[in-house]
C-alpha atoms as a PDB file:
ATOM      1  CA  MET A   1      32.972  -7.058 -28.882  1.00  0.00           C
ATOM      2  CA  LYS A   2      31.637  -9.116 -25.999  1.00  0.00           C
ATOM      3  CA  ASP A   3      28.515 -11.214 -26.457  1.00  0.00           C
ATOM      4  CA  THR A   4      26.052 -10.175 -23.743  1.00  0.00           C
ATOM      5  CA  LYS A   5      23.689 -13.088 -24.354  1.00  0.00           C
ATOM      6  CA  GLN A   6      23.794 -15.966 -21.934  1.00  0.00           C
ATOM      7  CA  ALA A   7      22.890 -19.007 -23.997  1.00  0.00           C
ATOM      8  CA  ASP A   8      22.800 -21.393 -21.048  1.00  0.00           C
ATOM      9  CA  LYS A   9      20.557 -19.207 -18.861  1.00  0.00           C
ATOM     10  CA  THR A  10      17.024 -18.878 -20.154  1.00  0.00           C
ATOM     11  CA  PHE A  11      14.090 -17.211 -18.474  1.00  0.00           C
ATOM     12  CA  VAL A  12      11.370 -19.784 -18.111  1.00  0.00           C
ATOM     13  CA  GLY A  13       8.692 -17.362 -16.941  1.00  0.00           C
ATOM     14  CA  PHE A  14       5.339 -18.185 -15.449  1.00  0.00           C
ATOM     15  CA  THR A  15       3.662 -21.544 -15.827  1.00  0.00           C
ATOM     16  CA  GLU A  16       0.354 -21.878 -17.668  1.00  0.00           C
ATOM     17  CA  ASP A  17      -1.402 -22.287 -14.280  1.00  0.00           C
ATOM     18  CA  GLU A  18       0.210 -19.119 -12.924  1.00  0.00           C
ATOM     19  CA  ARG A  19      -0.730 -17.140 -16.052  1.00  0.00           C
ATOM     20  CA  ALA A  20      -4.304 -18.446 -15.777  1.00  0.00           C
ATOM     21  CA  ALA A  21      -4.450 -17.331 -12.115  1.00  0.00           C
ATOM     22  CA  MET A  22      -3.237 -13.857 -13.050  1.00  0.00           C
ATOM     23  CA  LYS A  23      -5.859 -13.612 -15.816  1.00  0.00           C
ATOM     24  CA  GLU A  24      -8.550 -14.652 -13.320  1.00  0.00           C
ATOM     25  CA  HIS A  25      -7.347 -11.962 -10.920  1.00  0.00           C
ATOM     26  CA  ALA A  26      -7.530  -9.318 -13.656  1.00  0.00           C
ATOM     27  CA  LYS A  27     -11.136 -10.366 -14.405  1.00  0.00           C
ATOM     28  CA  GLU A  28     -11.950 -10.203 -10.675  1.00  0.00           C
ATOM     29  CA  LEU A  29     -10.602  -6.651 -10.452  1.00  0.00           C
ATOM     30  CA  LYS A  30     -12.573  -5.528 -13.531  1.00  0.00           C
ATOM     31  CA  ALA A  31     -15.782  -7.090 -12.196  1.00  0.00           C
ATOM     32  CA  ALA A  32     -15.283  -5.427  -8.797  1.00  0.00           C
ATOM     33  CA  ALA A  33     -14.825  -2.029 -10.438  1.00  0.00           C
ATOM     34  CA  ARG A  34     -18.157  -2.381 -12.301  1.00  0.00           C
ATOM     35  CA  ARG A  35     -20.256  -3.260  -9.254  1.00  0.00           C
ATOM     36  CA  GLY A  36     -22.705  -0.891  -7.639  1.00  0.00           C
ATOM     37  CA  SER A  37     -23.584  -0.745  -3.952  1.00  0.00           C
ATOM     38  CA  ARG A  38     -21.571  -2.343  -1.178  1.00  0.00           C
ATOM     39  CA  ALA A  39     -24.429  -4.786  -0.399  1.00  0.00           C
ATOM     40  CA  ASP A  40     -24.609  -5.851  -4.061  1.00  0.00           C
ATOM     41  CA  LYS A  41     -20.843  -6.300  -4.130  1.00  0.00           C
ATOM     42  CA  ALA A  42     -20.839  -8.493  -0.999  1.00  0.00           C
ATOM     43  CA  ALA A  43     -23.635 -10.697  -2.332  1.00  0.00           C
ATOM     44  CA  GLU A  44     -21.977 -11.023  -5.752  1.00  0.00           C
ATOM     45  CA  ASP A  45     -18.584 -11.783  -4.183  1.00  0.00           C
ATOM     46  CA  GLU A  46     -20.022 -14.565  -2.038  1.00  0.00           C
ATOM     47  CA  ALA A  47     -21.945 -15.972  -5.013  1.00  0.00           C
ATOM     48  CA  ALA A  48     -18.707 -15.989  -7.026  1.00  0.00           C
ATOM     49  CA  VAL A  49     -16.891 -17.835  -4.219  1.00  0.00           C
ATOM     50  CA  LEU A  50     -19.669 -20.423  -3.955  1.00  0.00           C
ATOM     51  CA  ALA A  51     -19.676 -20.881  -7.744  1.00  0.00           C
ATOM     52  CA  LYS A  52     -15.898 -21.410  -7.751  1.00  0.00           C
ATOM     53  CA  ILE A  53     -16.242 -23.982  -4.961  1.00  0.00           C
ATOM     54  CA  ALA A  54     -18.979 -25.775  -6.913  1.00  0.00           C
ATOM     55  CA  GLU A  55     -16.593 -26.115  -9.905  1.00  0.00           C
ATOM     56  CA  MET A  56     -13.975 -27.981  -7.860  1.00  0.00           C
ATOM     57  CA  LEU A  57     -13.356 -31.711  -7.998  1.00  0.00           C
ATOM     58  CA  ASP A  58     -15.222 -33.653  -5.303  1.00  0.00           C
ATOM     59  CA  ALA A  59     -12.434 -33.960  -2.692  1.00  0.00           C
ATOM     60  CA  ASP A  60     -11.460 -30.278  -2.960  1.00  0.00           C
ATOM     61  CA  ARG A  61     -15.084 -29.139  -3.102  1.00  0.00           C
ATOM     62  CA  VAL A  62     -15.916 -30.908   0.169  1.00  0.00           C
ATOM     63  CA  LEU A  63     -12.905 -29.315   1.878  1.00  0.00           C
ATOM     64  CA  ALA A  64     -13.684 -25.864   0.432  1.00  0.00           C
ATOM     65  CA  GLU A  65     -17.325 -26.061   1.560  1.00  0.00           C
ATOM     66  CA  ARG A  66     -16.214 -26.902   5.120  1.00  0.00           C
ATOM     67  CA  ILE A  67     -13.584 -24.141   5.119  1.00  0.00           C
ATOM     68  CA  HIS A  68     -16.195 -21.646   3.878  1.00  0.00           C
ATOM     69  CA  ALA A  69     -18.572 -22.622   6.692  1.00  0.00           C
ATOM     70  CA  ILE A  70     -15.808 -22.517   9.324  1.00  0.00           C
ATOM     71  CA  VAL A  71     -14.599 -19.065   8.252  1.00  0.00           C
ATOM     72  CA  LYS A  72     -18.130 -17.625   8.114  1.00  0.00           C
ATOM     73  CA  GLU A  73     -18.880 -19.030  11.584  1.00  0.00           C
ATOM     74  CA  SER A  74     -15.532 -18.135  13.182  1.00  0.00           C
ATOM     75  CA  ALA A  75     -15.068 -14.683  11.681  1.00  0.00           C
ATOM     76  CA  PRO A  76     -18.315 -13.293  10.251  1.00  0.00           C
ATOM     77  CA  SER A  77     -16.576  -9.950   9.741  1.00  0.00           C
ATOM     78  CA  LEU A  78     -14.452 -11.435   6.952  1.00  0.00           C
ATOM     79  CA  ALA A  79     -15.976 -10.992   3.496  1.00  0.00           C
ATOM     80  CA  PRO A  80     -15.766 -13.827   0.952  1.00  0.00           C
ATOM     81  CA  LYS A  81     -14.202 -12.878  -2.379  1.00  0.00           C
ATOM     82  CA  LEU A  82     -12.262 -14.480  -5.201  1.00  0.00           C
ATOM     83  CA  TRP A  83      -8.522 -13.908  -5.154  1.00  0.00           C
ATOM     84  CA  TYR A  84      -6.552 -15.215  -8.128  1.00  0.00           C
ATOM     85  CA  GLY A  85      -9.477 -17.539  -8.763  1.00  0.00           C
ATOM     86  CA  MET A  86      -9.384 -18.952  -5.221  1.00  0.00           C
ATOM     87  CA  PRO A  87     -11.979 -18.598  -2.464  1.00  0.00           C
ATOM     88  CA  SER A  88     -10.637 -16.075   0.012  1.00  0.00           C
ATOM     89  CA  TYR A  89     -11.855 -14.045   2.962  1.00  0.00           C
ATOM     90  CA  ALA A  90     -10.987 -10.382   3.393  1.00  0.00           C
ATOM     91  CA  ARG A  91     -11.083  -7.589   5.950  1.00  0.00           C
ATOM     92  CA  ASP A  92     -11.474  -4.095   4.489  1.00  0.00           C
ATOM     93  CA  GLY A  93     -10.805  -5.499   1.014  1.00  0.00           C
ATOM     94  CA  LYS A  94      -7.501  -7.139   1.975  1.00  0.00           C
ATOM     95  CA  VAL A  95      -7.268 -10.931   1.925  1.00  0.00           C
ATOM     96  CA  VAL A  96      -6.692 -12.508   5.345  1.00  0.00           C
ATOM     97  CA  CYS A  97      -7.057 -16.198   4.446  1.00  0.00           C
ATOM     98  CA  PHE A  98      -7.709 -18.351   1.396  1.00  0.00           C
ATOM     99  CA  PHE A  99      -8.353 -21.890   0.169  1.00  0.00           C
ATOM    100  CA  GLN A 100      -6.283 -23.262  -2.704  1.00  0.00           C
ATOM    101  CA  SER A 101      -7.579 -26.451  -4.293  1.00  0.00           C
ATOM    102  CA  ALA A 102      -5.121 -29.167  -5.213  1.00  0.00           C
ATOM    103  CA  GLN A 103      -6.188 -28.884  -8.839  1.00  0.00           C
ATOM    104  CA  LYS A 104      -5.305 -25.153  -8.957  1.00  0.00           C
ATOM    105  CA  PHE A 105      -1.593 -25.808  -9.467  1.00  0.00           C
ATOM    106  CA  ASN A 106      -1.720 -29.602  -9.892  1.00  0.00           C
ATOM    107  CA  ALA A 107      -0.604 -30.196  -6.309  1.00  0.00           C
ATOM    108  CA  ARG A 108      -1.094 -33.396  -4.356  1.00  0.00           C
ATOM    109  CA  TYR A 109      -3.071 -31.623  -1.622  1.00  0.00           C
ATOM    110  CA  ALA A 110      -5.240 -28.564  -1.080  1.00  0.00           C
ATOM    111  CA  THR A 111      -4.039 -25.791   1.215  1.00  0.00           C
ATOM    112  CA  PHE A 112      -5.602 -23.302   3.582  1.00  0.00           C
ATOM    113  CA  GLY A 113      -3.394 -20.274   3.962  1.00  0.00           C
ATOM    114  CA  PHE A 114      -3.084 -16.880   5.566  1.00  0.00           C
ATOM    115  CA  SER A 115      -1.751 -13.659   4.072  1.00  0.00           C
ATOM    116  CA  ASP A 116       0.412 -11.112   5.844  1.00  0.00           C
ATOM    117  CA  GLN A 117      -2.851  -9.338   6.802  1.00  0.00           C
ATOM    118  CA  ALA A 118      -3.610 -12.171   9.248  1.00  0.00           C
ATOM    119  CA  ASN A 119      -2.992 -11.402  12.896  1.00  0.00           C
ATOM    120  CA  LEU A 120      -1.011 -14.606  13.524  1.00  0.00           C
ATOM    121  CA  ASP A 121       2.447 -13.226  14.269  1.00  0.00           C
ATOM    122  CA  GLU A 122       3.894 -15.219  17.123  1.00  0.00           C
ATOM    123  CA  GLY A 123       7.604 -15.127  17.851  1.00  0.00           C
ATOM    124  CA  ALA A 124      10.120 -15.177  15.029  1.00  0.00           C
ATOM    125  CA  MET A 125       8.438 -17.966  13.007  1.00  0.00           C
ATOM    126  CA  TRP A 126       4.875 -19.220  12.449  1.00  0.00           C
ATOM    127  CA  ALA A 127       2.920 -21.245   9.924  1.00  0.00           C
ATOM    128  CA  THR A 128       1.130 -19.381   7.119  1.00  0.00           C
ATOM    129  CA  SER A 129      -0.463 -22.331   5.320  1.00  0.00           C
ATOM    130  CA  TYR A 130      -1.646 -25.839   6.010  1.00  0.00           C
ATOM    131  CA  ALA A 131      -1.882 -28.855   3.710  1.00  0.00           C
ATOM    132  CA  LEU A 132      -5.346 -30.434   3.711  1.00  0.00           C
ATOM    133  CA  LYS A 133      -6.249 -33.979   2.706  1.00  0.00           C
ATOM    134  CA  GLU A 134      -9.316 -34.235   4.945  1.00  0.00           C
ATOM    135  CA  LEU A 135     -10.736 -32.423   7.964  1.00  0.00           C
ATOM    136  CA  THR A 136     -11.350 -33.984  11.355  1.00  0.00           C
ATOM    137  CA  ALA A 137     -13.337 -32.291  14.112  1.00  0.00           C
ATOM    138  CA  ALA A 138     -10.031 -31.352  15.784  1.00  0.00           C
ATOM    139  CA  ASP A 139      -8.730 -29.862  12.507  1.00  0.00           C
ATOM    140  CA  GLU A 140     -11.912 -27.835  12.092  1.00  0.00           C
ATOM    141  CA  ALA A 141     -11.641 -26.515  15.662  1.00  0.00           C
ATOM    142  CA  MET A 142      -8.001 -25.534  15.091  1.00  0.00           C
ATOM    143  CA  ILE A 143      -8.837 -23.765  11.815  1.00  0.00           C
ATOM    144  CA  GLY A 144     -11.708 -21.950  13.538  1.00  0.00           C
ATOM    145  CA  GLU A 145      -9.393 -20.674  16.269  1.00  0.00           C
ATOM    146  CA  LEU A 146      -6.722 -19.624  13.766  1.00  0.00           C
ATOM    147  CA  VAL A 147      -9.293 -17.751  11.667  1.00  0.00           C
ATOM    148  CA  LYS A 148     -10.674 -15.955  14.751  1.00  0.00           C
ATOM    149  CA  ARG A 149      -7.171 -14.874  15.715  1.00  0.00           C
ATOM    150  CA  ALA A 150      -6.219 -13.970  12.127  1.00  0.00           C
ATOM    151  CA  ALA A 151      -9.325 -11.775  11.755  1.00  0.00           C
ATOM    152  CA  SER A 152      -8.860  -9.924  15.034  1.00  0.00           C
ATOM    153  CA  SER A 153      -7.537  -6.378  14.842  1.00  0.00           C
END
């Protein structure tokens, strides 16, 4: 009889950080299901995003606060919400863009990214996320333009 086990190939699975993100997402979904009116939901979602930003380490918090302000100014139609424990901004409940702190997955830099819901398709290849160490005025202007385009229908 043949041994079907592969001793040298083991499934590692998800990291602790990935499991924690999935647990956060499950909590977010449960909390969203319990909420009442749409206005209450929007206010609670933004409060949750601001609370998550406030928990971040100083460097990430400063970047996240700027990103939050840029997104709200550039695309007021996008609604802040938590997505896997990260500040994100959604259109019709679907995430368009998000901020991932460096501490989230022990990375050396934070990122600002776009989902497949973003209207950024250009040619056969385009960027979907950007590494952030700091933000200059030019960076902020570029992010603002990308968010406007991403949020357009």
